[in-house]
Amino acid sequence: MTTSCFAEKTAEETNAPLPVYLMGKADLGQPHDNPQVERWIRQTGFKAAAGELQLLPGADGSLVGAVFGTGSNGVEMPFVTGTLARKLPHGNWRLENAADQAMLMALGFGLGSYRFDRYRKSEKALPKLACPEQLDRHELERLVNGCFMARDLINTPVNNMGPDDLEQAMRALATRYSASVTTIEGDDLLTSNFPMIHAVGRASAVAPRLLDMQWGPKDAPKVTLVGKGVCFDTGGLDIKPAANMLLMKKDMGGAANVLGLALMIMDAGLGVRLRVLIPAVENSIAGNAFRPGDILTSRKGLTVEIGNTDAEGRLVLADALSYADEEEPQFLIDMATLTGAARVALGTDISPFYCHADALAADLEAVGRQSFDPLWRMPLYGPYDKNLNSPIADINNAPAGGMAGSIIAALFLNRFVRKADEWVHFDIFGWNPKDKPESPVGGEAQAIRALYQLMCNRYPRP
């Protein structure tokens, strides 16, 4: 999806943007540059609560502007201006007195303009925002478009977003930025030594596949993104309860987010050799489905006892990570909607991550704060690694016990990464369960704005 929420510059008086006066609670009672606005605020009882909007009428009854509350100066909701994209009437608008928060306010508006209308068209015309002159409009659109791509992919149900459709989405993105894509599909996964990707996806009517996109100069630093692409997860033979299956179209949220991040990186022309690997499968139930108790041999050669077929994401990621690791990338990132345990630990908004390097963790936490894209480091706690032990195989994919589920999953993946200079694993949710100013209920981009900022810091455009 390409955003059109930012107004084109125009000299026509009829299209001139109307002002939106941003006011925090601390601004109430202070003199205002516009006496009309000051009177209107006083007479209407405007409280400057976060998201509060008052439209300003002119002397002839025409619309001449709006006053918008930011609460405690944006602290309550950093992207509070996303509400404007839903509440303002159609037309062109500009933010007044955004000052040093112009980027935050404009980005909030952009993110809040998202609509998923593939299956139900909205008749309401959206307002547009004039990009503040001090900001880079292309950078704003880059961030918004990357997030919208992730949201669109997650929101699309599996009947239109199966492994083959996910491949087409990657190919369309690759075409846009002159990247290359190769696919290993079906039984070719066995001959190419991706046995666990094949095992997880073979019961589906749509063949499993490994998607591989590459972009950028071959001599640039190697950055590889791996995204879990389980387009739907029944749980396999360890079938999920019906209620737990309702959101399983989002189980390819890791793939959606790495594609959104790839869009940002390629659009910015960052100085990297980018590779994106997505094991795209559907964990279905049929006579040839893999079973609890099966022993699978991974690409790396480690044997894996299947303790639960509903812990399939780590299996497909293990083969993909092993493949990525063979190339010895400077930076290896994987993203996955991997465990419910991560939600119990941190809720739905904060993206937990795991890495070995303290300096990398500090950098990630810093860009998370700067981007208002909250991240939290979780421990790769070595003593828990023994919990993966199996009496008949090298490791078990879902050992009994149920505690520290997100850590155990991360330690499982850790077994398959040895050669990359740096590796970080994100156990994201990929879904927004409640309306926020910057996003409606539905698929969500998580951690990719922070990761993009880290990439810009490390690998600026040549």
Protein backbone atom coordinates (compact mmCIF):
# COMPACT_ATOMS: atom_id res chain seq x y z
CA MET A 1 0.00 0.00 0.00
CA THR A 2 1.29 3.46 -0.90
CA THR A 3 0.10 6.25 1.32
CA SER A 4 -1.56 9.39 -0.01
CA CYS A 5 -2.19 10.98 3.37
CA PHE A 6 0.22 13.86 2.76
CA ALA A 7 -1.06 16.74 0.64
CA GLU A 8 0.73 17.87 -2.50
CA LYS A 9 2.02 21.43 -2.42
CA THR A 10 -0.33 23.78 -4.23
CA ALA A 11 -0.62 27.48 -4.82
CA GLU A 12 -4.38 27.34 -5.31
CA GLU A 13 -6.26 29.23 -2.62
CA THR A 14 -9.09 26.68 -2.71
CA ASN A 15 -6.67 23.91 -1.78
CA ALA A 16 -4.65 25.89 0.77
CA PRO A 17 -4.34 23.81 3.96
CA LEU A 18 -6.36 24.90 6.97
CA PRO A 19 -4.58 25.20 10.33
CA VAL A 20 -4.85 22.68 13.15
CA TYR A 21 -3.77 24.36 16.39
CA LEU A 22 -2.15 21.79 18.67
CA MET A 23 -2.72 22.46 22.36
CA GLY A 24 -1.55 20.56 25.40
CA LYS A 25 -3.09 20.94 28.84
CA ALA A 26 -0.21 23.20 29.85
CA ASP A 27 -1.19 25.62 27.05
CA LEU A 28 -4.67 26.29 28.43
CA GLY A 29 -5.01 29.79 29.85
CA GLN A 30 -1.94 31.00 27.97
CA PRO A 31 -2.28 33.87 25.46
CA HIS A 32 -2.83 32.64 21.91
CA ASP A 33 -1.60 34.29 18.71
CA ASN A 34 -5.09 34.08 17.27
CA PRO A 35 -7.69 35.88 19.46
CA GLN A 36 -10.52 34.05 17.70
CA VAL A 37 -9.03 30.71 18.68
CA GLU A 38 -8.55 31.91 22.24
CA ARG A 39 -12.21 32.98 22.51
CA TRP A 40 -13.46 29.76 20.97
CA ILE A 41 -11.42 27.66 23.37
CA ARG A 42 -12.75 29.58 26.34
CA GLN A 43 -16.39 29.52 25.21
CA THR A 44 -16.54 25.84 24.24
CA GLY A 45 -14.90 24.55 27.40
CA PHE A 46 -12.08 22.93 25.45
CA LYS A 47 -9.94 20.86 27.87
CA ALA A 48 -7.04 19.90 25.55
CA ALA A 49 -7.55 16.24 26.43
CA ALA A 50 -5.58 13.87 24.20
CA GLY A 51 -7.56 13.47 20.97
CA GLU A 52 -10.11 16.23 21.69
CA LEU A 53 -11.07 18.13 18.53
CA GLN A 54 -12.97 21.37 18.02
CA LEU A 55 -13.63 22.71 14.52
CA LEU A 56 -13.35 26.49 14.10
CA PRO A 57 -16.06 28.35 12.15
CA GLY A 58 -15.40 31.61 10.31
CA ALA A 59 -17.63 34.69 10.44
CA ASP A 60 -19.59 33.40 7.45
CA GLY A 61 -19.96 29.91 8.91
CA SER A 62 -17.23 28.38 6.75
CA LEU A 63 -14.62 26.08 8.22
CA VAL A 64 -11.41 27.99 8.95
CA GLY A 65 -9.43 25.59 11.14
CA ALA A 66 -9.44 23.28 14.13
CA VAL A 67 -8.10 23.02 17.67
CA PHE A 68 -6.71 19.68 18.76
CA GLY A 69 -5.78 18.48 22.23
CA THR A 70 -2.50 16.64 22.81
CA GLY A 71 -3.04 15.97 26.50
CA SER A 72 0.05 16.26 28.65
CA ASN A 73 2.15 17.55 25.75
CA GLY A 74 2.10 14.25 23.91
CA VAL A 75 3.28 12.20 26.88
CA GLU A 76 -0.02 10.36 27.23
CA MET A 77 -0.10 9.31 23.56
CA PRO A 78 3.00 10.12 21.50
CA PHE A 79 1.14 9.58 18.22
CA VAL A 80 -2.03 11.31 19.34
CA THR A 81 -2.33 13.13 15.99
CA GLY A 82 -3.32 9.84 14.41
CA THR A 83 -6.80 10.69 15.68
CA LEU A 84 -6.86 13.67 13.32
CA ALA A 85 -6.70 11.36 10.31
CA ARG A 86 -10.01 9.88 11.44
CA LYS A 87 -11.82 12.93 12.81
CA LEU A 88 -10.93 15.81 10.49
CA PRO A 89 -13.20 16.54 7.54
CA HIS A 90 -11.90 15.87 4.05
CA GLY A 91 -9.52 18.54 2.84
CA ASN A 92 -5.97 19.76 3.26
CA TRP A 93 -4.67 20.62 6.73
CA ARG A 94 -1.47 21.83 8.34
CA LEU A 95 -0.16 21.50 11.88
CA GLU A 96 0.39 24.74 13.75
CA ASN A 97 2.86 25.10 16.64
CA ALA A 98 4.12 21.50 16.34
CA ALA A 99 7.63 22.91 16.95
CA ASP A 100 10.23 20.28 17.88
CA GLN A 101 7.60 17.52 17.78
CA ALA A 102 6.79 18.05 14.10
CA MET A 103 8.14 14.66 13.02
CA LEU A 104 6.26 12.82 15.74
CA MET A 105 3.03 14.68 15.03
CA ALA A 106 3.24 14.21 11.24
CA LEU A 107 4.15 10.54 11.55
CA GLY A 108 1.26 10.02 13.96
CA PHE A 109 -1.12 11.50 11.39
CA GLY A 110 0.35 9.30 8.67
CA LEU A 111 0.11 6.08 10.67
CA GLY A 112 -3.40 6.96 11.82
CA SER A 113 -4.61 7.34 8.23
CA TYR A 114 -4.43 3.57 7.67
CA ARG A 115 -7.52 1.83 6.30
CA PHE A 116 -7.81 -1.85 5.40
CA ASP A 117 -10.45 -1.67 2.69
CA ARG A 118 -9.71 -4.69 0.50
CA TYR A 119 -13.03 -6.32 1.32
CA ARG A 120 -15.20 -3.40 2.43
CA LYS A 121 -14.73 -0.03 0.81
CA SER A 122 -15.02 3.12 2.89
CA GLU A 123 -17.03 5.96 1.43
CA LYS A 124 -15.46 8.55 3.70
CA ALA A 125 -12.84 10.70 1.99
CA LEU A 126 -9.75 11.11 4.14
CA PRO A 127 -8.13 14.40 5.13
CA LYS A 128 -4.59 15.13 3.99
CA LEU A 129 -1.75 16.76 5.86
CA ALA A 130 0.67 19.28 4.44
CA CYS A 131 4.12 17.98 5.36
CA PRO A 132 5.86 20.48 7.67
CA GLU A 133 8.53 22.29 5.67
CA GLN A 134 11.38 21.25 7.99
CA LEU A 135 10.65 17.54 7.46
CA ASP A 136 11.67 15.12 4.72
CA ARG A 137 8.39 14.08 3.14
CA HIS A 138 9.99 11.05 1.48
CA GLU A 139 11.25 9.81 4.85
CA LEU A 140 7.79 10.17 6.35
CA GLU A 141 6.18 8.28 3.48
CA ARG A 142 8.87 5.60 3.67
CA LEU A 143 8.08 4.92 7.33
CA VAL A 144 4.33 4.96 6.77
CA ASN A 145 4.46 2.75 3.66
CA GLY A 146 6.64 0.14 5.37
CA CYS A 147 4.23 -0.05 8.30
CA PHE A 148 1.20 -0.15 6.01
CA MET A 149 2.69 -3.01 4.01
CA ALA A 150 3.15 -5.06 7.18
CA ARG A 151 -0.40 -4.27 8.31
CA ASP A 152 -1.94 -5.12 4.94
CA LEU A 153 -0.18 -8.48 4.71
CA ILE A 154 -1.20 -9.48 8.23
CA ASN A 155 -4.80 -8.34 7.82
CA THR A 156 -5.32 -10.36 4.64
CA PRO A 157 -6.79 -13.81 5.44
CA VAL A 158 -5.11 -16.98 4.27
CA ASN A 159 -7.53 -17.56 1.38
CA ASN A 160 -5.81 -14.53 -0.19
CA MET A 161 -2.48 -14.69 1.70
CA GLY A 162 -1.25 -18.26 1.49
CA PRO A 163 2.39 -19.19 0.85
CA ASP A 164 1.96 -18.54 -2.89
CA ASP A 165 0.37 -15.13 -2.27
CA LEU A 166 3.14 -14.20 0.16
CA GLU A 167 5.62 -15.08 -2.56
CA GLN A 168 3.82 -12.77 -4.99
CA ALA A 169 3.92 -9.95 -2.41
CA MET A 170 7.69 -10.39 -2.11
CA ARG A 171 8.09 -10.48 -5.89
CA ALA A 172 6.08 -7.29 -6.30
CA LEU A 173 8.28 -5.55 -3.73
CA ALA A 174 11.42 -6.89 -5.42
CA THR A 175 10.27 -5.62 -8.82
CA ARG A 176 9.70 -2.15 -7.38
CA TYR A 177 13.29 -1.93 -6.12
CA SER A 178 15.10 -4.10 -8.70
CA ALA A 179 15.84 -6.90 -6.25
CA SER A 180 16.09 -10.58 -7.17
CA VAL A 181 13.89 -13.39 -5.83
CA THR A 182 14.40 -17.14 -5.90
CA THR A 183 12.03 -19.76 -4.53
CA ILE A 184 12.57 -23.35 -3.41
CA GLU A 185 9.18 -25.06 -3.38
CA GLY A 186 7.56 -28.35 -2.46
CA ASP A 187 9.70 -31.48 -2.62
CA ASP A 188 12.62 -29.39 -3.86
CA LEU A 189 12.94 -28.35 -0.22
CA LEU A 190 14.03 -31.91 0.55
CA THR A 191 16.60 -32.11 -2.22
CA SER A 192 17.92 -28.66 -1.19
CA ASN A 193 18.11 -29.73 2.49
CA PHE A 194 15.31 -27.78 4.14
CA PRO A 195 13.58 -30.76 5.76
CA MET A 196 11.84 -28.98 8.62
CA ILE A 197 10.27 -26.32 6.37
CA HIS A 198 8.96 -29.17 4.21
CA ALA A 199 7.68 -31.19 7.18
CA VAL A 200 5.69 -28.29 8.65
CA GLY A 201 4.10 -27.25 5.36
CA ARG A 202 3.59 -30.51 3.49
CA ALA A 203 0.02 -31.14 4.72
CA SER A 204 -1.28 -27.96 3.10
CA ALA A 205 -2.92 -27.85 -0.32
CA VAL A 206 -0.45 -25.05 -1.14
CA ALA A 207 3.15 -26.24 -1.26
CA PRO A 208 5.61 -24.92 1.34
CA ARG A 209 8.48 -22.79 0.07
CA LEU A 210 11.53 -20.81 1.03
CA LEU A 211 11.53 -17.27 -0.38
CA ASP A 212 14.88 -15.56 -0.89
CA MET A 213 15.14 -11.89 -1.91
CA GLN A 214 18.48 -10.12 -2.41
CA TRP A 215 19.26 -6.47 -3.08
CA GLY A 216 22.22 -4.10 -3.00
CA PRO A 217 25.94 -4.21 -3.87
CA LYS A 218 27.53 -7.60 -3.21
CA ASP A 219 30.51 -5.97 -1.49
CA ALA A 220 28.36 -4.03 1.01
CA PRO A 221 27.86 -5.22 4.61
CA LYS A 222 25.58 -8.26 4.66
CA VAL A 223 22.30 -7.71 6.51
CA THR A 224 19.89 -10.65 6.51
CA LEU A 225 16.27 -10.58 7.66
CA VAL A 226 14.44 -13.83 8.39
CA GLY A 227 10.67 -13.74 8.91
CA LYS A 228 8.34 -16.49 10.09
CA GLY A 229 5.85 -16.99 7.27
CA VAL A 230 3.28 -19.40 8.74
CA CYS A 231 0.33 -18.09 6.76
CA PHE A 232 -2.13 -19.97 8.94
CA ASP A 233 -1.57 -22.17 11.95
CA THR A 234 -4.12 -24.79 12.93
CA GLY A 235 -1.64 -26.11 15.46
CA GLY A 236 -1.26 -29.22 13.33
CA LEU A 237 -2.25 -32.52 14.90
CA ASP A 238 -1.92 -30.81 18.30
CA ILE A 239 -4.82 -28.71 17.08
CA LYS A 240 -5.58 -25.35 18.62
CA PRO A 241 -8.96 -24.66 20.25
CA ALA A 242 -11.29 -22.72 17.97
CA ALA A 243 -10.89 -19.48 19.93
CA ASN A 244 -7.09 -19.69 19.63
CA MET A 245 -7.31 -20.18 15.87
CA LEU A 246 -9.27 -17.01 15.12
CA LEU A 247 -6.20 -14.76 14.80
CA MET A 248 -3.91 -17.28 13.14
CA LYS A 249 -3.88 -15.39 9.87
CA LYS A 250 -1.40 -13.18 11.74
CA ASP A 251 1.07 -16.03 12.25
CA MET A 252 3.01 -14.71 9.26
CA GLY A 253 3.48 -11.41 11.10
CA GLY A 254 7.24 -11.91 11.22
CA ALA A 255 7.36 -12.23 7.43
CA ALA A 256 5.10 -9.20 7.02
CA ASN A 257 7.30 -7.10 9.26
CA VAL A 258 10.61 -8.04 7.62
CA LEU A 259 9.08 -7.15 4.23
CA GLY A 260 7.95 -3.79 5.62
CA LEU A 261 11.46 -3.21 6.98
CA ALA A 262 12.97 -4.27 3.65
CA LEU A 263 10.80 -1.69 1.90
CA MET A 264 12.18 1.04 4.16
CA ILE A 265 15.79 -0.08 3.69
CA MET A 266 15.60 -0.35 -0.09
CA ASP A 267 13.59 2.85 -0.52
CA ALA A 268 16.20 4.74 1.49
CA GLY A 269 19.03 3.19 -0.54
CA LEU A 270 20.98 2.22 2.57
CA GLY A 271 24.51 0.89 2.17
CA VAL A 272 23.85 -2.82 2.70
CA ARG A 273 23.69 -6.11 0.86
CA LEU A 274 20.18 -7.01 1.94
CA ARG A 275 18.84 -10.54 2.03
CA VAL A 276 15.33 -11.51 3.11
CA LEU A 277 14.51 -15.15 3.81
CA ILE A 278 10.93 -16.25 4.48
CA PRO A 279 9.92 -19.87 5.08
CA ALA A 280 6.33 -19.65 3.80
CA VAL A 281 4.08 -22.50 4.93
CA GLU A 282 0.63 -23.34 6.21
CA ASN A 283 0.54 -25.64 9.25
CA SER A 284 -2.40 -27.79 8.22
CA ILE A 285 -3.87 -31.17 9.11
CA ALA A 286 -3.91 -34.08 6.68
CA GLY A 287 -2.77 -37.70 6.53
CA ASN A 288 0.79 -36.61 5.77
CA ALA A 289 1.04 -34.04 8.58
CA PHE A 290 4.04 -34.32 10.86
CA ARG A 291 3.23 -35.85 14.24
CA PRO A 292 4.02 -35.45 17.93
CA GLY A 293 6.93 -37.74 18.67
CA ASP A 294 8.40 -37.58 15.16
CA ILE A 295 12.14 -36.99 14.89
CA LEU A 296 13.11 -34.45 12.22
CA THR A 297 16.63 -33.83 11.01
CA SER A 298 17.27 -30.12 10.50
CA ARG A 299 19.35 -28.46 7.81
CA LYS A 300 22.10 -27.99 10.39
CA GLY A 301 22.10 -31.71 11.12
CA LEU A 302 20.63 -31.47 14.62
CA THR A 303 17.83 -33.95 15.23
CA VAL A 304 14.62 -32.51 16.71
CA GLU A 305 12.02 -34.47 18.63
CA ILE A 306 8.55 -33.02 18.09
CA GLY A 307 7.06 -32.38 21.50
CA ASN A 308 4.21 -30.37 20.03
CA THR A 309 3.21 -29.69 16.41
CA ASP A 310 1.95 -26.27 17.48
CA ALA A 311 5.55 -25.17 18.06
CA GLU A 312 6.13 -25.17 14.32
CA GLY A 313 7.41 -21.63 13.85
CA ARG A 314 10.77 -22.37 15.46
CA LEU A 315 11.17 -25.38 13.14
CA VAL A 316 10.83 -23.43 9.89
CA LEU A 317 12.92 -20.58 11.31
CA ALA A 318 15.67 -23.01 12.31
CA ASP A 319 16.21 -24.18 8.73
CA ALA A 320 16.05 -20.62 7.40
CA LEU A 321 18.41 -19.29 10.08
CA SER A 322 20.88 -22.09 9.39
CA TYR A 323 20.85 -21.17 5.71
CA ALA A 324 21.31 -17.47 6.49
CA ASP A 325 24.09 -18.22 8.97
CA GLU A 326 26.10 -20.16 6.38
CA GLU A 327 26.74 -16.87 4.54
CA GLU A 328 28.23 -15.33 7.71
CA PRO A 329 26.26 -12.07 7.62
CA GLN A 330 27.38 -9.08 9.64
CA PHE A 331 23.87 -8.64 11.03
CA LEU A 332 21.18 -11.33 11.20
CA ILE A 333 17.67 -10.42 12.37
CA ASP A 334 14.74 -12.76 12.71
CA MET A 335 11.18 -11.75 13.50
CA ALA A 336 8.37 -14.09 14.45
CA THR A 337 5.00 -14.26 16.13
CA LEU A 338 6.53 -17.10 18.07
CA THR A 339 5.09 -17.51 21.58
CA GLY A 340 2.13 -16.55 23.70
CA ALA A 341 4.58 -16.50 26.61
CA ALA A 342 6.07 -13.26 25.26
CA ARG A 343 2.63 -11.63 25.54
CA VAL A 344 2.26 -12.81 29.12
CA ALA A 345 5.63 -11.26 29.92
CA LEU A 346 5.32 -7.90 28.15
CA GLY A 347 1.79 -7.54 26.80
CA THR A 348 0.91 -6.75 23.22
CA ASP A 349 2.62 -3.37 22.71
CA ILE A 350 6.24 -4.05 23.68
CA SER A 351 8.43 -6.12 21.36
CA PRO A 352 10.75 -8.46 23.26
CA PHE A 353 14.12 -9.20 21.70
CA TYR A 354 17.02 -11.52 22.43
CA CYS A 355 20.68 -11.04 21.59
CA HIS A 356 24.11 -11.83 23.01
CA ALA A 357 25.81 -8.45 22.55
CA ASP A 358 25.24 -5.84 25.25
CA ALA A 359 26.24 -3.01 22.89
CA LEU A 360 23.66 -4.12 20.31
CA ALA A 361 20.99 -4.37 23.00
CA ALA A 362 21.78 -0.83 24.19
CA ASP A 363 21.59 0.48 20.61
CA LEU A 364 18.23 -1.24 20.06
CA GLU A 365 16.76 0.12 23.27
CA ALA A 366 17.97 3.61 22.35
CA VAL A 367 16.41 3.63 18.88
CA GLY A 368 13.24 2.13 20.34
CA ARG A 369 12.93 5.11 22.68
CA GLN A 370 13.75 7.60 19.93
CA SER A 371 11.24 6.05 17.54
CA PHE A 372 8.51 5.48 20.14
CA ASP A 373 8.65 1.85 19.00
CA PRO A 374 9.01 0.12 22.39
CA LEU A 375 11.51 -2.74 22.69
CA TRP A 376 12.64 -4.75 25.70
CA ARG A 377 15.60 -7.07 26.01
CA MET A 378 14.90 -10.56 27.32
CA PRO A 379 17.58 -12.95 28.61
CA LEU A 380 19.16 -15.78 26.66
CA TYR A 381 19.55 -17.49 30.00
CA GLY A 382 22.07 -20.27 29.51
CA PRO A 383 21.01 -22.60 32.35
CA TYR A 384 17.56 -22.96 30.71
CA ASP A 385 19.17 -24.44 27.60
CA LYS A 386 19.15 -27.89 29.19
CA ASN A 387 15.35 -27.78 29.10
CA LEU A 388 15.61 -28.45 25.36
CA ASN A 389 17.20 -31.86 26.00
CA SER A 390 15.56 -34.94 24.54
CA PRO A 391 16.32 -38.55 25.58
CA ILE A 392 16.24 -39.72 21.94
CA ALA A 393 17.23 -36.67 19.84
CA ASP A 394 19.55 -33.69 20.04
CA ILE A 395 16.76 -31.35 21.13
CA ASN A 396 13.00 -31.16 21.67
CA ASN A 397 11.02 -28.38 19.99
CA ALA A 398 8.52 -27.99 22.86
CA PRO A 399 9.76 -29.48 26.10
CA ALA A 400 7.29 -30.10 28.89
CA GLY A 401 6.96 -27.65 31.75
CA GLY A 402 5.43 -24.57 30.14
CA MET A 403 7.57 -22.01 31.96
CA ALA A 404 9.82 -19.40 30.30
CA GLY A 405 8.29 -20.28 26.94
CA SER A 406 9.65 -17.29 25.04
CA ILE A 407 13.16 -17.78 26.43
CA ILE A 408 13.11 -21.49 25.61
CA ALA A 409 12.03 -20.72 22.04
CA ALA A 410 14.84 -18.17 21.68
CA LEU A 411 17.36 -20.68 23.02
CA PHE A 412 16.09 -23.21 20.48
CA LEU A 413 16.79 -20.75 17.65
CA ASN A 414 20.15 -19.89 19.19
CA ARG A 415 21.29 -23.48 18.48
CA PHE A 416 21.11 -22.70 14.75
CA VAL A 417 23.11 -19.45 14.65
CA ARG A 418 26.89 -19.62 15.01
CA LYS A 419 28.65 -17.66 12.25
CA ALA A 420 26.79 -14.33 12.06
CA ASP A 421 28.69 -11.43 13.62
CA GLU A 422 25.51 -10.25 15.38
CA TRP A 423 22.11 -11.89 15.74
CA VAL A 424 18.89 -10.62 17.26
CA HIS A 425 15.58 -12.45 17.61
CA PHE A 426 12.25 -10.61 17.95
CA ASP A 427 9.22 -12.43 19.40
CA ILE A 428 6.52 -9.99 18.28
CA PHE A 429 2.72 -10.08 18.50
CA GLY A 430 1.99 -8.48 15.11
CA TRP A 431 -1.52 -7.41 16.13
CA ASN A 432 -3.15 -4.41 17.74
CA PRO A 433 -6.05 -5.65 19.92
CA LYS A 434 -7.41 -2.16 20.74
CA ASP A 435 -7.81 1.01 18.74
CA LYS A 436 -4.96 3.48 19.13
CA PRO A 437 -4.66 6.93 17.59
CA GLU A 438 -1.98 5.65 15.22
CA SER A 439 -3.56 2.31 14.36
CA PRO A 440 -6.92 0.54 14.34
CA VAL A 441 -7.53 -2.96 15.60
CA GLY A 442 -5.73 -5.39 13.33
CA GLY A 443 -2.34 -6.28 11.94
CA GLU A 444 0.50 -4.17 13.29
CA ALA A 445 4.06 -3.25 12.38
CA GLN A 446 6.26 -3.77 15.41
CA ALA A 447 9.94 -2.99 15.96
CA ILE A 448 10.59 -2.12 12.32
CA ARG A 449 10.67 1.65 12.76
CA ALA A 450 13.29 1.17 15.47
CA LEU A 451 15.24 -1.32 13.37
CA TYR A 452 15.14 1.00 10.38
CA GLN A 453 16.57 3.81 12.51
CA LEU A 454 19.35 1.47 13.66
CA MET A 455 20.08 0.62 10.02
CA CYS A 456 20.24 4.31 9.11
CA ASN A 457 22.70 4.90 11.95
CA ARG A 458 24.90 1.98 10.98
CA TYR A 459 24.65 1.84 7.20
CA PRO A 460 23.85 5.32 5.80
CA ARG A 461 23.20 5.80 2.14
CA PRO A 462 26.52 5.88 0.25
